[in-house]
């Protein structure tokens, strides 16, 4: 097995991994999780309470 065979296998492995990531990200079952994560920034009340008396 020469280096070109190893490079070909690595390329195929990276491509299959990329397709797996796309499947996971674009799966409709995960849509609500992504929407919750996107909306959590707007719903987070991270402004400090004005307790200093200014």
PDB file of N, CA and C in Angstrom:
ATOM      1  N   UNK A   1       0.856  -1.178   0.000  1.00  0.00           N
ATOM      2  CA  UNK A   1       0.000   0.000   0.000  1.00  0.00           C
ATOM      3  C   UNK A   1       0.901   1.240   0.000  1.00  0.00           C
ATOM      4  N   UNK A   2       0.776   2.034  -1.024  1.00  0.00           N
ATOM      5  CA  UNK A   2       1.601   3.231  -1.110  1.00  0.00           C
ATOM      6  C   UNK A   2       0.869   4.447  -0.538  1.00  0.00           C
ATOM      7  N   UNK A   3       1.543   5.565  -0.571  1.00  0.00           N
ATOM      8  CA  UNK A   3       1.005   6.778   0.050  1.00  0.00           C
ATOM      9  C   UNK A   3      -0.240   7.286  -0.671  1.00  0.00           C
ATOM     10  N   UNK A   4      -0.335   7.067  -1.975  1.00  0.00           N
ATOM     11  CA  UNK A   4      -1.515   7.533  -2.709  1.00  0.00           C
ATOM     12  C   UNK A   4      -2.768   6.776  -2.286  1.00  0.00           C
ATOM     13  N   UNK A   5      -2.629   5.508  -1.973  1.00  0.00           N
ATOM     14  CA  UNK A   5      -3.766   4.719  -1.491  1.00  0.00           C
ATOM     15  C   UNK A   5      -4.240   5.270  -0.138  1.00  0.00           C
ATOM     16  N   UNK A   6      -3.322   5.598   0.735  1.00  0.00           N
ATOM     17  CA  UNK A   6      -3.671   6.169   2.037  1.00  0.00           C
ATOM     18  C   UNK A   6      -4.329   7.536   1.873  1.00  0.00           C
ATOM     19  N   UNK A   7      -3.834   8.323   0.947  1.00  0.00           N
ATOM     20  CA  UNK A   7      -4.446   9.636   0.690  1.00  0.00           C
ATOM     21  C   UNK A   7      -5.855   9.495   0.156  1.00  0.00           C
ATOM     22  N   UNK A   8      -6.079   8.515  -0.689  1.00  0.00           N
ATOM     23  CA  UNK A   8      -7.415   8.273  -1.232  1.00  0.00           C
ATOM     24  C   UNK A   8      -8.379   7.846  -0.128  1.00  0.00           C
ATOM     25  N   UNK A   9      -7.934   6.965   0.739  1.00  0.00           N
ATOM     26  CA  UNK A   9      -8.781   6.538   1.851  1.00  0.00           C
ATOM     27  C   UNK A   9      -9.086   7.696   2.793  1.00  0.00           C
ATOM     28  N   UNK A  10      -8.098   8.536   3.054  1.00  0.00           N
ATOM     29  CA  UNK A  10      -8.320   9.697   3.915  1.00  0.00           C
ATOM     30  C   UNK A  10      -9.325  10.656   3.286  1.00  0.00           C
ATOM     31  N   UNK A  11      -9.226  10.869   1.976  1.00  0.00           N
ATOM     32  CA  UNK A  11     -10.165  11.755   1.280  1.00  0.00           C
ATOM     33  C   UNK A  11     -11.583  11.206   1.355  1.00  0.00           C
ATOM     34  N   UNK A  12     -11.724   9.921   1.167  1.00  0.00           N
ATOM     35  CA  UNK A  12     -13.054   9.303   1.260  1.00  0.00           C
ATOM     36  C   UNK A  12     -13.590   9.418   2.682  1.00  0.00           C
ATOM     37  N   UNK A  13     -12.731   9.197   3.674  1.00  0.00           N
ATOM     38  CA  UNK A  13     -13.154   9.295   5.070  1.00  0.00           C
ATOM     39  C   UNK A  13     -13.610  10.718   5.412  1.00  0.00           C
ATOM     40  N   UNK A  14     -12.883  11.721   4.945  1.00  0.00           N
ATOM     41  CA  UNK A  14     -13.256  13.114   5.200  1.00  0.00           C
ATOM     42  C   UNK A  14     -14.579  13.443   4.514  1.00  0.00           C
ATOM     43  N   UNK A  15     -14.771  12.959   3.293  1.00  0.00           N
ATOM     44  CA  UNK A  15     -16.003  13.220   2.564  1.00  0.00           C
ATOM     45  C   UNK A  15     -17.202  12.574   3.261  1.00  0.00           C
ATOM     46  N   UNK A  16     -17.053  11.337   3.703  1.00  0.00           N
ATOM     47  CA  UNK A  16     -18.142  10.660   4.412  1.00  0.00           C
ATOM     48  C   UNK A  16     -18.433  11.368   5.731  1.00  0.00           C
ATOM     49  N   UNK A  17     -17.416  11.813   6.422  1.00  0.00           N
ATOM     50  CA  UNK A  17     -17.616  12.562   7.665  1.00  0.00           C
ATOM     51  C   UNK A  17     -18.353  13.870   7.403  1.00  0.00           C
ATOM     52  N   UNK A  18     -18.011  14.547   6.317  1.00  0.00           N
ATOM     53  CA  UNK A  18     -18.689  15.785   5.960  1.00  0.00           C
ATOM     54  C   UNK A  18     -20.165  15.529   5.663  1.00  0.00           C
ATOM     55  N   UNK A  19     -20.460  14.464   4.945  1.00  0.00           N
ATOM     56  CA  UNK A  19     -21.856  14.118   4.658  1.00  0.00           C
ATOM     57  C   UNK A  19     -22.611  13.788   5.940  1.00  0.00           C
ATOM     58  N   UNK A  20     -21.960  13.121   6.868  1.00  0.00           N
ATOM     59  CA  UNK A  20     -22.587  12.815   8.148  1.00  0.00           C
ATOM     60  C   UNK A  20     -22.899  14.088   8.931  1.00  0.00           C
ATOM     61  N   UNK A  21     -21.991  15.031   8.932  1.00  0.00           N
ATOM     62  CA  UNK A  21     -22.232  16.311   9.613  1.00  0.00           C
ATOM     63  C   UNK A  21     -23.401  17.041   8.960  1.00  0.00           C
ATOM     64  N   UNK A  22     -23.436  17.068   7.645  1.00  0.00           N
ATOM     65  CA  UNK A  22     -24.560  17.708   6.953  1.00  0.00           C
ATOM     66  C   UNK A  22     -25.876  17.041   7.298  1.00  0.00           C
ATOM     67  N   UNK A  23     -25.888  15.724   7.361  1.00  0.00           N
ATOM     68  CA  UNK A  23     -27.113  15.010   7.706  1.00  0.00           C
ATOM     69  C   UNK A  23     -27.579  15.376   9.109  1.00  0.00           C
ATOM     70  N   UNK A  24     -26.646  15.418  10.046  1.00  0.00           N
ATOM     71  CA  UNK A  24     -27.009  15.735  11.421  1.00  0.00           C
ATOM     72  C   UNK A  24     -27.522  17.173  11.532  1.00  0.00           C
ATOM     73  N   UNK A  25     -26.856  18.096  10.863  1.00  0.00           N
ATOM     74  CA  UNK A  25     -27.231  19.508  10.961  1.00  0.00           C
ATOM     75  C   UNK A  25     -28.563  19.779  10.266  1.00  0.00           C
ATOM     76  N   UNK A  26     -28.782  19.169   9.137  1.00  0.00           N
ATOM     77  CA  UNK A  26     -29.980  19.467   8.349  1.00  0.00           C
ATOM     78  C   UNK A  26     -31.156  18.546   8.654  1.00  0.00           C
ATOM     79  N   UNK A  27     -31.008  17.666   9.617  1.00  0.00           N
ATOM     80  CA  UNK A  27     -32.087  16.768   9.984  1.00  0.00           C
ATOM     81  C   UNK A  27     -33.214  17.567  10.634  1.00  0.00           C
ATOM     82  N   UNK A  28     -34.446  17.308  10.235  1.00  0.00           N
ATOM     83  CA  UNK A  28     -35.582  18.079  10.748  1.00  0.00           C
ATOM     84  C   UNK A  28     -35.826  17.852  12.231  1.00  0.00           C
ATOM     85  N   UNK A  29     -35.372  16.709  12.768  1.00  0.00           N
ATOM     86  CA  UNK A  29     -35.556  16.459  14.197  1.00  0.00           C
ATOM     87  C   UNK A  29     -34.739  17.422  15.041  1.00  0.00           C
ATOM     88  N   UNK A  30     -33.671  17.980  14.503  1.00  0.00           N
ATOM     89  CA  UNK A  30     -32.812  18.890  15.256  1.00  0.00           C
ATOM     90  C   UNK A  30     -33.198  20.351  15.076  1.00  0.00           C
ATOM     91  N   UNK A  31     -34.186  20.640  14.267  1.00  0.00           N
ATOM     92  CA  UNK A  31     -34.543  22.029  13.973  1.00  0.00           C
ATOM     93  C   UNK A  31     -34.949  22.791  15.227  1.00  0.00           C
ATOM     94  N   UNK A  32     -35.731  22.171  16.096  1.00  0.00           N
ATOM     95  CA  UNK A  32     -36.174  22.848  17.314  1.00  0.00           C
ATOM     96  C   UNK A  32     -34.991  23.162  18.225  1.00  0.00           C
ATOM     97  N   UNK A  33     -34.004  22.277  18.292  1.00  0.00           N
ATOM     98  CA  UNK A  33     -32.820  22.549  19.112  1.00  0.00           C
ATOM     99  C   UNK A  33     -32.064  23.769  18.607  1.00  0.00           C
ATOM    100  N   UNK A  34     -31.922  23.879  17.280  1.00  0.00           N
ATOM    101  CA  UNK A  34     -31.225  25.027  16.715  1.00  0.00           C
ATOM    102  C   UNK A  34     -32.031  26.306  16.897  1.00  0.00           C
ATOM    103  N   UNK A  35     -33.347  26.223  16.778  1.00  0.00           N
ATOM    104  CA  UNK A  35     -34.179  27.401  17.012  1.00  0.00           C
ATOM    105  C   UNK A  35     -34.100  27.851  18.466  1.00  0.00           C
ATOM    106  N   UNK A  36     -34.095  26.889  19.395  1.00  0.00           N
ATOM    107  CA  UNK A  36     -33.962  27.242  20.811  1.00  0.00           C
ATOM    108  C   UNK A  36     -32.620  27.907  21.094  1.00  0.00           C
ATOM    109  N   UNK A  37     -31.572  27.396  20.489  1.00  0.00           N
ATOM    110  CA  UNK A  37     -30.248  27.983  20.690  1.00  0.00           C
ATOM    111  C   UNK A  37     -30.176  29.385  20.095  1.00  0.00           C
ATOM    112  N   UNK A  38     -30.794  29.580  18.933  1.00  0.00           N
ATOM    113  CA  UNK A  38     -30.776  30.901  18.303  1.00  0.00           C
ATOM    114  C   UNK A  38     -31.592  31.910  19.097  1.00  0.00           C
ATOM    115  N   UNK A  39     -32.710  31.481  19.650  1.00  0.00           N
ATOM    116  CA  UNK A  39     -33.571  32.389  20.402  1.00  0.00           C
ATOM    117  C   UNK A  39     -33.076  32.635  21.825  1.00  0.00           C
ATOM    118  N   UNK A  40     -32.209  31.775  22.328  1.00  0.00           N
ATOM    119  CA  UNK A  40     -31.744  31.951  23.697  1.00  0.00           C
ATOM    120  C   UNK A  40     -30.938  33.235  23.857  1.00  0.00           C
ATOM    121  N   UNK A  41     -30.317  33.693  22.799  1.00  0.00           N
ATOM    122  CA  UNK A  41     -29.555  34.938  22.872  1.00  0.00           C
ATOM    123  C   UNK A  41     -30.496  36.121  23.086  1.00  0.00           C
ATOM    124  N   UNK A  42     -31.623  36.112  22.391  1.00  0.00           N
ATOM    125  CA  UNK A  42     -32.580  37.210  22.522  1.00  0.00           C
ATOM    126  C   UNK A  42     -33.361  37.137  23.827  1.00  0.00           C
ATOM    127  N   UNK A  43     -33.581  35.940  24.334  1.00  0.00           N
ATOM    128  CA  UNK A  43     -34.381  35.776  25.549  1.00  0.00           C
ATOM    129  C   UNK A  43     -33.569  35.949  26.823  1.00  0.00           C
ATOM    130  N   UNK A  44     -32.249  35.924  26.722  1.00  0.00           N
ATOM    131  CA  UNK A  44     -31.392  36.019  27.894  1.00  0.00           C
ATOM    132  C   UNK A  44     -31.358  37.458  28.393  1.00  0.00           C
ATOM    133  N   UNK A  45     -31.723  37.633  29.635  1.00  0.00           N
ATOM    134  CA  UNK A  45     -31.689  38.961  30.241  1.00  0.00           C
ATOM    135  C   UNK A  45     -30.379  39.081  31.011  1.00  0.00           C
ATOM    136  N   UNK A  46     -29.324  39.443  30.303  1.00  0.00           N
ATOM    137  CA  UNK A  46     -28.019  39.490  30.945  1.00  0.00           C
ATOM    138  C   UNK A  46     -27.623  40.893  31.388  1.00  0.00           C
ATOM    139  N   UNK A  47     -28.572  41.831  31.377  1.00  0.00           N
ATOM    140  CA  UNK A  47     -28.253  43.163  31.880  1.00  0.00           C
ATOM    141  C   UNK A  47     -28.269  43.113  33.402  1.00  0.00           C
ATOM    142  N   UNK A  48     -27.277  43.679  34.029  1.00  0.00           N
ATOM    143  CA  UNK A  48     -27.220  43.624  35.498  1.00  0.00           C
ATOM    144  C   UNK A  48     -28.316  44.488  36.129  1.00  0.00           C
ATOM    145  N   UNK A  49     -28.747  44.048  37.284  1.00  0.00           N
ATOM    146  CA  UNK A  49     -29.731  44.837  38.034  1.00  0.00           C
ATOM    147  C   UNK A  49     -29.034  46.074  38.581  1.00  0.00           C
ATOM    148  N   UNK A  50     -29.740  47.182  38.549  1.00  0.00           N
ATOM    149  CA  UNK A  50     -29.136  48.437  39.004  1.00  0.00           C
ATOM    150  C   UNK A  50     -29.317  48.539  40.513  1.00  0.00           C
ATOM    151  N   UNK A  51     -28.429  47.885  41.258  1.00  0.00           N
ATOM    152  CA  UNK A  51     -28.490  47.904  42.718  1.00  0.00           C
ATOM    153  C   UNK A  51     -27.463  48.862  43.311  1.00  0.00           C
ATOM    154  N   UNK A  52     -26.711  49.539  42.464  1.00  0.00           N
ATOM    155  CA  UNK A  52     -25.648  50.408  42.989  1.00  0.00           C
ATOM    156  C   UNK A  52     -26.194  51.764  43.446  1.00  0.00           C
ATOM    157  N   UNK A  53     -27.426  52.091  43.102  1.00  0.00           N
ATOM    158  CA  UNK A  53     -28.013  53.335  43.555  1.00  0.00           C
ATOM    159  C   UNK A  53     -27.629  54.543  42.720  1.00  0.00           C
ATOM    160  N   UNK A  54     -27.118  54.322  41.553  1.00  0.00           N
ATOM    161  CA  UNK A  54     -26.718  55.459  40.709  1.00  0.00           C
ATOM    162  C   UNK A  54     -27.898  56.095  40.061  1.00  0.00           C
TER     163      UNK A  54
END
